[in-house]
Amino acid sequence: MAYDPNLKLLKQSVKQWCRNYQIAIILAVCLVLILPKGLQWTLFYVGSILFLTMKIADMVNYLKPRQKIAPNGKCVFITGCDTGFGHLLAKELHKEGFEVFAGCLFPEGNGAKELQNYSSYSIHIIPLDVTSEDSLSKAYQYVANRVKDKGLWAVVNNAGINVGGEVLWIEMDVIQKIFEVNTLGVIRVTKKFLPLLCESKGRLVTVASTAGRVAVGVLAAYSSSKHAVIGFCNSLRQEMYPFGVEVVTIEPLGYRTDMVRTGVTNLQRTWDSAPPDVKALFPEDYFEAKLRLQSEKFDKLFDKVEPINKAVLITGCDSGFGHHLVKRLDSRGYQVFACCLFPDGEGAVELRNSCSDRLHVLGLDVTDDDSVKEAVTYVEQNLGNSDFWAIVNNAGIYRGNNAELSSMEDYKYTMEVNAFGLARVTKAFLPLLRQFKGRVVNLTSLAGKLTGPHITPYTMSKHAAKAFSECLAQEMETWGIKVISVEPEFFRTAMTNSKAIGMHLKKTFQDLNP
């Protein structure tokens, strides 16, 4: 019988569905066919408790720390390693212990030489033009010969180009070139290396773009090429499921890479090459205004902040994001006021030992008005010659369960820290920020935009924090104060520690009214 991957996929899906819902199916059969009516409601309640327990177990399992991948003997092939993401990824994976095959368009260029000097034994520099079948075949042969015993663990499709221009004036050969690299190049590399990935049950990672989800004016060619890539990967993901090959797309926004740096120059080039009759369709100063707007956007993107004489206050620095941000900003040269709930605790002690003399560690409970006032006084007295450049409202807690099982204390305390605490700190420091035209950065959460079960108090508090940030942003425009909300998803922090969440859920069940 011929192999039918779709049939196999269907069987696996049915088997997975049955495994997930087998308890529910058994209970349903018992209710309908076996038990007398008097026992059906009893079993219904028992079944409901079991179902809820399973769902909570799934959530705790999702939050469990992931094991770090052991890089020993794992080989990764990356395209577009001359500069940008590919170049940095090659270095990072080498540093972690992977064997890296770095495809470079210019194998004698500065980027390739830098990688070669970075490591002469575990980074292989491979000449690669993703638009050339011959070049790709040679690269494949080189990699295949060296991964025979180990297998190819991953392929990263990173090579890409971008040339801006409106559809009316950009030349057709430029559009074709963009698709040749960004879309057909990805397909070409993928088709060539898929057999190796199927053998190793590896993974295919493709660097697409946010422009592959959202159309962007002046980037019609680039945006459509990335839409095509995401569509290709979404289809391929389903096809590769039976083979155990993972297909992942990464969709970054604007980063300071060479592709972005040359954006304005390329835009000018496409306009200059446009036919005169096309240019005549636009107002006389149209392109100059368009170019000025794009230049301003790029200037903001590449505007590097000098940390000298700039002070930042961060709340919730005992652990997690706040703790790491303190170290990062201190290493960059900022004067940091690290606010810890436990100023003599392990996290605060580590910050004092690992950071420079510029660092100030102070106690702060964001739920206490007096504590916040003391923090303001401390900062004013120790600011010195620095500008009060920013506050980062990072302090937050996770408490509660679903809407019914969460106690009113869960609701109140979660709101007190995540929403009122953020507002309390912001209000207290706004007069100081106004003097220096600083900025407010609020760590909200993806849960402040989306909703989900079993985290009702937390979701409610983050929606409130998000709304506060958006209102404040409009109010502070007059004063030149920027207000930004950062909305992370799940990360491995003390807040998402599975043991702590499990203990809280257990206590919640113990406290339930029988």
Protein backbone atom coordinates (compact mmCIF):
# COMPACT_ATOMS: atom_id res chain seq x y z
CA MET A 1 0.00 0.00 0.00
CA ALA A 2 1.41 3.43 -0.94
CA TYR A 3 2.40 5.78 1.91
CA ASP A 4 -0.22 8.46 2.45
CA PRO A 5 1.04 11.20 4.81
CA ASN A 6 -2.43 12.78 5.03
CA LEU A 7 -3.95 9.51 6.21
CA LYS A 8 -1.20 9.10 8.78
CA LEU A 9 -1.72 12.67 9.95
CA LEU A 10 -5.46 12.02 10.34
CA LYS A 11 -4.82 8.85 12.37
CA GLN A 12 -2.37 10.69 14.64
CA SER A 13 -4.86 13.53 15.14
CA VAL A 14 -7.67 11.10 16.05
CA LYS A 15 -5.36 9.21 18.42
CA GLN A 16 -4.27 12.47 20.08
CA TRP A 17 -7.90 13.60 20.43
CA CYS A 18 -8.91 10.29 21.99
CA ARG A 19 -5.97 10.44 24.41
CA ASN A 20 -6.90 13.96 25.52
CA TYR A 21 -10.60 13.26 26.00
CA GLN A 22 -10.74 9.58 26.88
CA ILE A 23 -11.78 10.29 30.49
CA ALA A 24 -14.58 12.57 29.31
CA ILE A 25 -15.73 9.94 26.80
CA ILE A 26 -15.78 7.18 29.43
CA LEU A 27 -17.70 9.36 31.87
CA ALA A 28 -20.23 10.32 29.21
CA VAL A 29 -20.85 6.67 28.34
CA CYS A 30 -21.28 5.83 32.03
CA LEU A 31 -23.79 8.61 32.48
CA VAL A 32 -25.90 7.61 29.51
CA LEU A 33 -25.81 3.81 29.62
CA ILE A 34 -24.71 2.42 32.96
CA LEU A 35 -25.54 4.38 36.09
CA PRO A 36 -28.97 4.85 37.58
CA LYS A 37 -30.36 8.34 37.52
CA GLY A 38 -29.69 8.92 41.22
CA LEU A 39 -25.92 8.62 40.73
CA GLN A 40 -25.63 10.61 37.52
CA TRP A 41 -25.38 14.02 39.23
CA THR A 42 -22.78 12.70 41.68
CA LEU A 43 -20.66 11.45 38.82
CA PHE A 44 -21.22 14.70 36.96
CA TYR A 45 -19.68 16.68 39.83
CA VAL A 46 -16.77 14.23 40.13
CA GLY A 47 -16.22 14.43 36.38
CA SER A 48 -16.27 18.23 36.48
CA ILE A 49 -13.62 18.28 39.22
CA LEU A 50 -11.45 15.84 37.26
CA PHE A 51 -11.81 17.90 34.10
CA LEU A 52 -10.87 21.10 35.94
CA THR A 53 -7.89 19.35 37.51
CA MET A 54 -6.71 18.21 34.08
CA LYS A 55 -6.95 21.74 32.69
CA ILE A 56 -5.02 23.20 35.62
CA ALA A 57 -2.40 20.46 35.26
CA ASP A 58 -2.05 21.39 31.58
CA MET A 59 -1.46 25.02 32.54
CA VAL A 60 1.12 24.15 35.20
CA ASN A 61 2.85 21.84 32.73
CA TYR A 62 2.97 24.71 30.20
CA LEU A 63 4.60 26.97 32.77
CA LYS A 64 7.20 24.39 33.80
CA PRO A 65 10.81 25.42 33.08
CA ARG A 66 11.94 24.05 29.73
CA GLN A 67 15.09 22.00 29.63
CA LYS A 68 17.98 23.67 27.86
CA ILE A 69 18.96 21.95 24.63
CA ALA A 70 22.29 20.16 24.81
CA PRO A 71 24.26 21.43 21.77
CA ASN A 72 26.82 18.61 21.64
CA GLY A 73 26.92 16.98 18.21
CA LYS A 74 24.19 19.23 16.80
CA CYS A 75 24.74 20.86 13.41
CA VAL A 76 22.92 23.97 12.15
CA PHE A 77 22.95 25.43 8.63
CA ILE A 78 22.23 29.19 8.38
CA THR A 79 21.82 31.30 5.24
CA GLY A 80 22.65 35.00 4.96
CA CYS A 81 25.48 35.11 7.51
CA ASP A 82 27.43 38.03 6.04
CA THR A 83 25.68 40.52 8.34
CA GLY A 84 22.63 41.00 10.56
CA PHE A 85 20.65 38.25 12.24
CA GLY A 86 22.46 35.40 10.47
CA HIS A 87 25.89 36.73 11.41
CA LEU A 88 24.98 37.17 15.08
CA LEU A 89 23.15 33.84 15.22
CA ALA A 90 26.20 32.00 13.87
CA LYS A 91 28.32 33.49 16.65
CA GLU A 92 25.74 32.82 19.35
CA LEU A 93 25.17 29.18 18.37
CA HIS A 94 28.92 28.61 18.15
CA LYS A 95 29.30 30.08 21.63
CA GLU A 96 26.62 27.68 22.90
CA GLY A 97 28.52 24.71 21.43
CA PHE A 98 26.72 23.98 18.14
CA GLU A 99 28.55 23.19 14.93
CA VAL A 100 27.57 25.98 12.53
CA PHE A 101 27.52 25.99 8.74
CA ALA A 102 27.36 29.67 7.80
CA GLY A 103 26.20 30.41 4.26
CA CYS A 104 27.73 33.69 3.04
CA LEU A 105 27.08 35.46 -0.27
CA PHE A 106 30.58 36.94 -0.01
CA PRO A 107 32.83 34.24 1.48
CA GLU A 108 35.84 36.57 1.22
CA GLY A 109 33.99 39.56 2.65
CA ASN A 110 34.44 41.20 6.04
CA GLY A 111 31.49 39.36 7.61
CA ALA A 112 32.74 35.91 6.59
CA LYS A 113 36.30 36.72 7.68
CA GLU A 114 35.04 37.90 11.05
CA LEU A 115 33.20 34.61 11.55
CA GLN A 116 36.28 32.69 10.44
CA ASN A 117 38.43 34.54 12.96
CA TYR A 118 35.76 34.06 15.62
CA SER A 119 36.19 30.30 15.33
CA SER A 120 38.31 28.31 12.91
CA TYR A 121 36.98 24.89 13.90
CA SER A 122 33.21 24.89 14.50
CA ILE A 123 32.00 27.61 12.09
CA HIS A 124 32.18 26.45 8.49
CA ILE A 125 32.09 29.33 5.98
CA ILE A 126 30.16 28.17 2.90
CA PRO A 127 29.82 30.25 -0.29
CA LEU A 128 26.09 30.51 -0.94
CA ASP A 129 23.85 32.40 -3.33
CA VAL A 130 20.27 31.30 -2.60
CA THR A 131 19.21 32.30 -6.13
CA SER A 132 21.67 29.85 -7.72
CA GLU A 133 20.91 26.13 -7.98
CA ASP A 134 24.57 25.37 -8.60
CA SER A 135 25.72 27.31 -5.53
CA LEU A 136 23.06 25.62 -3.42
CA SER A 137 24.00 22.14 -4.65
CA LYS A 138 27.64 22.70 -3.67
CA ALA A 139 26.61 23.96 -0.25
CA TYR A 140 24.34 20.96 0.25
CA GLN A 141 27.09 18.55 -0.72
CA TYR A 142 29.52 20.17 1.70
CA VAL A 143 27.06 19.99 4.61
CA ALA A 144 25.79 16.48 3.80
CA ASN A 145 29.32 15.06 3.72
CA ARG A 146 30.06 16.45 7.19
CA VAL A 147 26.85 15.57 9.01
CA LYS A 148 26.58 11.94 7.93
CA ASP A 149 27.10 10.53 11.42
CA LYS A 150 25.55 13.36 13.41
CA GLY A 151 22.59 14.46 11.28
CA LEU A 152 21.48 17.99 10.51
CA TRP A 153 19.69 19.37 13.54
CA ALA A 154 18.33 22.59 11.98
CA VAL A 155 18.21 24.82 8.91
CA VAL A 156 17.72 28.57 9.37
CA ASN A 157 16.44 30.44 6.30
CA ASN A 158 17.73 33.93 7.07
CA ALA A 159 18.96 35.35 3.74
CA GLY A 160 16.83 38.24 2.54
CA ILE A 161 16.89 41.65 0.85
CA ASN A 162 14.70 44.74 0.90
CA VAL A 163 14.41 47.53 -1.66
CA GLY A 164 11.71 50.08 -0.92
CA GLY A 165 9.52 51.84 -3.46
CA GLU A 166 5.88 52.34 -4.33
CA VAL A 167 4.38 50.01 -6.91
CA LEU A 168 3.97 52.84 -9.43
CA TRP A 169 7.66 53.64 -9.60
CA ILE A 170 9.59 50.49 -8.59
CA GLU A 171 10.94 48.52 -11.56
CA MET A 172 9.69 45.00 -12.27
CA ASP A 173 13.19 43.52 -12.23
CA VAL A 174 13.65 44.83 -8.66
CA ILE A 175 10.40 43.16 -7.57
CA GLN A 176 11.50 39.90 -9.19
CA LYS A 177 14.88 40.09 -7.47
CA ILE A 178 13.22 40.53 -4.07
CA PHE A 179 11.00 37.50 -4.65
CA GLU A 180 13.94 35.52 -6.04
CA VAL A 181 15.83 35.93 -2.76
CA ASN A 182 13.13 36.27 -0.10
CA THR A 183 10.59 33.73 -1.36
CA LEU A 184 12.04 31.40 -3.99
CA GLY A 185 15.38 31.39 -2.15
CA VAL A 186 13.64 30.08 0.97
CA ILE A 187 11.80 27.43 -1.05
CA ARG A 188 14.96 26.48 -2.91
CA VAL A 189 17.00 25.98 0.29
CA THR A 190 14.14 24.20 2.04
CA LYS A 191 13.55 21.69 -0.76
CA LYS A 192 17.26 20.91 -0.99
CA PHE A 193 17.79 20.28 2.74
CA LEU A 194 14.44 18.71 3.70
CA PRO A 195 15.63 15.11 3.16
CA LEU A 196 18.39 15.65 5.74
CA LEU A 197 15.92 17.17 8.20
CA CYS A 198 13.47 14.29 7.69
CA GLU A 199 16.24 11.80 8.48
CA SER A 200 17.18 13.60 11.70
CA LYS A 201 13.63 14.75 12.64
CA GLY A 202 15.08 18.24 12.82
CA ARG A 203 13.59 21.68 12.49
CA LEU A 204 13.28 24.36 9.84
CA VAL A 205 13.39 27.98 11.05
CA THR A 206 12.55 30.75 8.58
CA VAL A 207 13.11 34.42 9.34
CA ALA A 208 10.06 36.11 7.83
CA SER A 209 8.88 39.54 9.00
CA THR A 210 5.99 41.38 10.61
CA ALA A 211 5.57 42.77 7.08
CA GLY A 212 4.48 39.23 6.20
CA ARG A 213 1.44 39.72 8.43
CA VAL A 214 0.73 43.42 8.01
CA ALA A 215 0.98 45.22 4.65
CA VAL A 216 3.38 48.18 4.69
CA GLY A 217 3.25 51.09 2.24
CA VAL A 218 6.44 51.72 0.20
CA LEU A 219 7.35 48.06 0.89
CA ALA A 220 4.85 46.32 -1.39
CA ALA A 221 7.44 44.00 -2.95
CA TYR A 222 9.11 43.11 0.35
CA SER A 223 5.82 42.76 2.21
CA SER A 224 4.25 40.50 -0.43
CA SER A 225 7.40 38.34 -0.58
CA LYS A 226 7.21 37.81 3.18
CA HIS A 227 3.46 37.07 3.04
CA ALA A 228 4.29 34.37 0.50
CA VAL A 229 7.00 32.93 2.76
CA ILE A 230 4.65 32.69 5.74
CA GLY A 231 2.03 30.98 3.57
CA PHE A 232 4.65 28.52 2.33
CA CYS A 233 5.79 27.70 5.88
CA ASN A 234 2.23 27.29 7.17
CA SER A 235 1.52 24.72 4.46
CA LEU A 236 4.87 23.01 4.91
CA ARG A 237 4.28 22.70 8.65
CA GLN A 238 1.27 20.45 8.02
CA GLU A 239 3.15 18.37 5.46
CA MET A 240 6.14 17.83 7.76
CA TYR A 241 4.10 16.78 10.80
CA PRO A 242 4.15 13.06 9.87
CA PHE A 243 7.95 13.22 9.48
CA GLY A 244 8.54 14.79 12.88
CA VAL A 245 10.08 17.94 11.38
CA GLU A 246 9.18 21.19 13.14
CA VAL A 247 8.57 24.25 10.96
CA VAL A 248 8.87 27.64 12.67
CA THR A 249 8.62 31.21 11.39
CA ILE A 250 10.25 34.15 13.17
CA GLU A 251 8.57 37.48 12.35
CA PRO A 252 10.69 40.41 13.62
CA LEU A 253 9.77 44.06 13.38
CA GLY A 254 12.40 46.77 12.67
CA TYR A 255 15.91 46.03 13.94
CA ARG A 256 19.18 47.82 13.33
CA THR A 257 20.57 45.59 10.60
CA ASP A 258 22.34 46.51 7.36
CA MET A 259 19.09 45.84 5.48
CA VAL A 260 17.34 48.56 7.47
CA ARG A 261 20.32 50.93 7.46
CA THR A 262 20.30 51.09 3.66
CA GLY A 263 16.50 51.56 3.49
CA VAL A 264 16.52 55.30 2.68
CA THR A 265 19.35 54.92 0.14
CA ASN A 266 17.48 52.15 -1.67
CA LEU A 267 14.29 54.19 -1.67
CA GLN A 268 16.15 57.08 -3.31
CA ARG A 269 17.63 54.72 -5.90
CA THR A 270 14.27 53.28 -6.98
CA TRP A 271 12.79 56.77 -7.30
CA ASP A 272 15.74 57.99 -9.38
CA SER A 273 15.32 55.08 -11.79
CA ALA A 274 11.57 55.65 -12.25
CA PRO A 275 10.45 56.83 -15.74
CA PRO A 276 9.77 60.59 -16.07
CA ASP A 277 6.11 60.02 -17.02
CA VAL A 278 5.59 58.11 -13.76
CA LYS A 279 7.25 60.82 -11.69
CA ALA A 280 4.99 63.37 -13.38
CA LEU A 281 1.95 61.70 -11.79
CA PHE A 282 3.07 62.80 -8.32
CA PRO A 283 3.08 66.32 -6.81
CA GLU A 284 6.38 68.14 -7.22
CA ASP A 285 7.51 67.76 -3.59
CA TYR A 286 5.91 64.33 -3.05
CA PHE A 287 9.09 62.27 -2.95
CA GLU A 288 11.02 64.78 -0.84
CA ALA A 289 8.22 64.68 1.77
CA LYS A 290 8.10 60.88 1.60
CA LEU A 291 11.87 60.61 1.90
CA ARG A 292 11.93 63.03 4.83
CA LEU A 293 9.27 60.99 6.64
CA GLN A 294 11.16 57.73 6.08
CA SER A 295 14.43 59.34 7.13
CA GLU A 296 12.88 60.50 10.38
CA LYS A 297 11.63 56.98 11.07
CA PHE A 298 15.06 55.51 10.43
CA ASP A 299 16.77 58.20 12.51
CA LYS A 300 14.55 57.29 15.46
CA LEU A 301 15.30 53.60 14.94
CA PHE A 302 19.05 54.17 14.89
CA ASP A 303 19.18 56.92 17.47
CA LYS A 304 21.50 55.48 20.08
CA VAL A 305 20.88 56.73 23.59
CA GLU A 306 23.99 57.84 25.45
CA PRO A 307 23.72 56.60 29.05
CA ILE A 308 26.02 59.22 30.58
CA ASN A 309 24.27 61.21 33.34
CA LYS A 310 21.00 59.35 32.85
CA ALA A 311 19.20 57.79 35.82
CA VAL A 312 16.59 55.03 35.65
CA LEU A 313 14.35 53.76 38.45
CA ILE A 314 13.12 50.16 38.17
CA THR A 315 10.57 48.48 40.45
CA GLY A 316 10.42 44.75 41.24
CA CYS A 317 14.16 44.08 41.01
CA ASP A 318 14.35 41.15 43.45
CA SER A 319 14.15 38.72 40.51
CA GLY A 320 12.95 38.27 36.93
CA PHE A 321 12.87 41.01 34.29
CA GLY A 322 13.64 43.82 36.72
CA HIS A 323 16.67 42.03 38.14
CA HIS A 324 18.17 41.38 34.72
CA LEU A 325 17.34 44.86 33.44
CA VAL A 326 19.25 46.42 36.33
CA LYS A 327 22.36 44.45 35.40
CA ARG A 328 22.01 45.30 31.73
CA LEU A 329 21.50 49.05 32.20
CA ASP A 330 24.26 49.24 34.80
CA SER A 331 26.67 47.54 32.39
CA ARG A 332 25.72 50.14 29.75
CA GLY A 333 26.64 53.03 32.07
CA TYR A 334 23.27 54.19 33.43
CA GLN A 335 22.76 55.26 37.03
CA VAL A 336 20.18 52.73 38.24
CA PHE A 337 17.86 52.91 41.24
CA ALA A 338 16.88 49.27 41.81
CA CYS A 339 13.74 49.01 43.95
CA CYS A 340 13.42 45.70 45.81
CA LEU A 341 10.61 44.51 48.03
CA PHE A 342 13.31 42.79 50.11
CA PRO A 343 16.33 45.15 50.09
CA ASP A 344 18.35 42.69 52.18
CA GLY A 345 17.19 39.64 50.26
CA GLU A 346 19.18 37.35 47.98
CA GLY A 347 18.30 39.24 44.78
CA ALA A 348 19.27 42.64 46.21
CA VAL A 349 22.54 41.29 47.60
CA GLU A 350 23.43 39.80 44.21
CA LEU A 351 22.81 43.15 42.50
CA ARG A 352 25.08 44.96 44.96
CA ASN A 353 27.83 42.40 44.43
CA SER A 354 27.61 42.25 40.63
CA CYS A 355 26.99 45.88 39.62
CA SER A 356 29.01 49.08 39.67
CA ASP A 357 29.20 51.76 42.35
CA ARG A 358 26.60 53.75 40.41
CA LEU A 359 23.89 51.33 41.52
CA HIS A 360 21.48 52.29 44.30
CA VAL A 361 19.43 49.50 45.88
CA LEU A 362 16.44 50.73 47.88
CA GLY A 363 13.43 49.13 49.49
CA LEU A 364 10.06 49.70 47.87
CA ASP A 365 6.61 48.25 48.41
CA VAL A 366 4.46 49.57 45.56
CA THR A 367 1.30 48.97 47.62
CA ASP A 368 2.46 51.34 50.40
CA ASP A 369 2.10 55.12 49.92
CA ASP A 370 4.75 55.91 52.56
CA SER A 371 7.23 53.51 50.98
CA VAL A 372 6.75 55.17 47.58
CA LYS A 373 7.18 58.67 49.07
CA GLU A 374 10.42 57.57 50.75
CA ALA A 375 11.67 56.26 47.40
CA VAL A 376 10.96 59.64 45.74
CA THR A 377 12.87 61.46 48.48
CA TYR A 378 15.80 59.05 48.20
CA VAL A 379 16.04 59.51 44.43
CA GLU A 380 15.87 63.32 44.68
CA GLN A 381 18.66 63.32 47.27
CA ASN A 382 20.93 60.91 45.31
CA LEU A 383 20.30 61.97 41.72
CA GLY A 384 23.38 64.20 41.65
CA ASN A 385 24.11 65.61 38.20
CA SER A 386 22.09 62.95 36.38
CA ASP A 387 18.85 63.52 34.51
CA PHE A 388 15.93 61.45 35.76
CA TRP A 389 15.57 59.71 32.42
CA ALA A 390 13.01 56.93 33.04
CA ILE A 391 10.95 54.85 35.42
CA VAL A 392 10.27 51.20 34.63
CA ASN A 393 7.18 49.84 36.38
CA ASN A 394 8.10 46.17 36.50
CA ALA A 395 6.79 45.01 39.90
CA GLY A 396 3.98 42.49 39.51
CA ILE A 397 2.49 39.32 40.93
CA TYR A 398 0.47 36.37 39.69
CA ARG A 399 -2.28 35.22 42.01
CA GLY A 400 -5.66 33.58 41.60
CA ASN A 401 -7.39 31.00 39.49
CA ASN A 402 -10.53 31.15 37.40
CA ALA A 403 -13.19 33.76 38.12
CA GLU A 404 -15.22 31.58 40.49
CA LEU A 405 -12.43 29.95 42.49
CA SER A 406 -10.36 33.10 43.01
CA SER A 407 -11.01 34.75 46.37
CA MET A 408 -11.77 38.44 46.71
CA GLU A 409 -8.39 38.76 48.42
CA ASP A 410 -6.79 37.39 45.23
CA TYR A 411 -8.59 40.03 43.17
CA LYS A 412 -7.79 42.89 45.56
CA TYR A 413 -4.11 42.13 46.08
CA THR A 414 -3.42 41.45 42.40
CA MET A 415 -5.02 44.76 41.46
CA GLU A 416 -3.18 46.51 44.30
CA VAL A 417 0.22 45.46 42.96
CA ASN A 418 -0.24 45.19 39.19
CA ALA A 419 -2.56 48.16 38.59
CA PHE A 420 -2.70 50.48 41.60
CA GLY A 421 1.00 49.98 42.37
CA LEU A 422 1.90 51.00 38.83
CA ALA A 423 -0.33 54.08 39.08
CA ARG A 424 0.98 54.95 42.57
CA VAL A 425 4.65 54.90 41.51
CA THR A 426 3.95 56.78 38.27
CA LYS A 427 1.99 59.56 40.01
CA ALA A 428 4.70 60.01 42.64
CA PHE A 429 7.55 60.32 40.13
CA LEU A 430 5.79 62.31 37.38
CA PRO A 431 6.87 65.73 38.76
CA LEU A 432 10.50 64.61 38.62
CA LEU A 433 10.08 63.12 35.13
CA ARG A 434 8.45 66.32 33.91
CA GLN A 435 11.57 68.31 34.81
CA PHE A 436 13.73 66.17 32.51
CA LYS A 437 11.15 65.14 29.87
CA GLY A 438 11.74 61.49 30.69
CA ARG A 439 9.75 58.40 29.87
CA VAL A 440 7.53 55.84 31.63
CA VAL A 441 7.93 52.17 30.70
CA ASN A 442 5.21 49.87 32.02
CA LEU A 443 5.61 46.10 31.89
CA THR A 444 2.07 44.97 31.33
CA SER A 445 1.54 41.60 29.63
CA LEU A 446 0.04 39.93 26.61
CA ALA A 447 -2.72 39.11 29.12
CA GLY A 448 -3.44 42.85 29.05
CA LYS A 449 -4.63 42.50 25.45
CA LEU A 450 -5.88 38.92 25.25
CA THR A 451 -7.99 36.92 27.67
CA GLY A 452 -7.63 33.35 28.84
CA PRO A 453 -9.08 31.00 31.47
CA HIS A 454 -7.71 30.34 34.98
CA ILE A 455 -5.80 33.65 35.32
CA THR A 456 -8.77 35.97 35.76
CA PRO A 457 -7.43 38.32 38.48
CA TYR A 458 -4.08 38.65 36.70
CA THR A 459 -5.70 39.29 33.31
CA MET A 460 -8.05 41.87 34.79
CA SER A 461 -5.18 43.74 36.47
CA LYS A 462 -3.08 43.79 33.29
CA HIS A 463 -5.98 45.08 31.20
CA ALA A 464 -6.27 47.89 33.74
CA ALA A 465 -2.52 48.59 33.58
CA LYS A 466 -2.63 48.64 29.78
CA ALA A 467 -5.56 51.10 29.76
CA PHE A 468 -3.80 53.32 32.32
CA SER A 469 -0.69 53.40 30.10
CA GLU A 470 -2.66 54.36 26.99
CA CYS A 471 -4.54 57.14 28.77
CA LEU A 472 -1.33 58.44 30.36
CA ALA A 473 0.44 58.44 26.98
CA GLN A 474 -2.13 60.87 25.59
CA GLU A 475 -2.01 63.10 28.67
CA MET A 476 1.79 63.29 28.75
CA GLU A 477 2.23 64.37 25.12
CA THR A 478 1.91 67.99 26.28
CA TRP A 479 4.90 67.54 28.57
CA GLY A 480 7.07 65.63 26.12
CA ILE A 481 7.02 62.51 28.29
CA LYS A 482 6.91 59.19 26.42
CA VAL A 483 4.78 56.38 27.85
CA ILE A 484 5.47 52.85 26.62
CA SER A 485 3.91 49.54 27.57
CA VAL A 486 5.87 46.33 27.08
CA GLU A 487 3.68 43.23 26.76
CA PRO A 488 5.68 40.02 27.19
CA GLU A 489 4.23 36.55 26.86
CA PHE A 490 5.31 33.69 29.16
CA PHE A 491 8.95 33.69 30.26
CA ARG A 492 10.71 31.65 32.91
CA THR A 493 10.67 34.00 35.88
CA ALA A 494 9.94 33.60 39.59
CA MET A 495 6.34 34.63 38.83
CA THR A 496 5.84 31.67 36.48
CA ASN A 497 7.60 29.16 38.73
CA SER A 498 5.53 25.99 38.41
CA LYS A 499 6.12 24.93 42.03
CA ALA A 500 4.83 28.23 43.41
CA ILE A 501 1.81 28.19 41.08
CA GLY A 502 1.07 24.58 42.03
CA MET A 503 1.19 25.41 45.75
CA HIS A 504 -1.14 28.36 45.25
CA LEU A 505 -3.62 26.25 43.27
CA LYS A 506 -3.52 23.55 45.94
CA LYS A 507 -4.26 26.13 48.63
CA THR A 508 -7.11 27.50 46.52
CA PHE A 509 -8.73 24.05 46.36
CA GLN A 510 -8.20 23.48 50.10
CA ASP A 511 -9.92 26.78 50.87
CA LEU A 512 -12.98 25.99 48.75
CA ASN A 513 -16.31 25.87 50.49
CA PRO A 514 -17.43 22.20 50.52
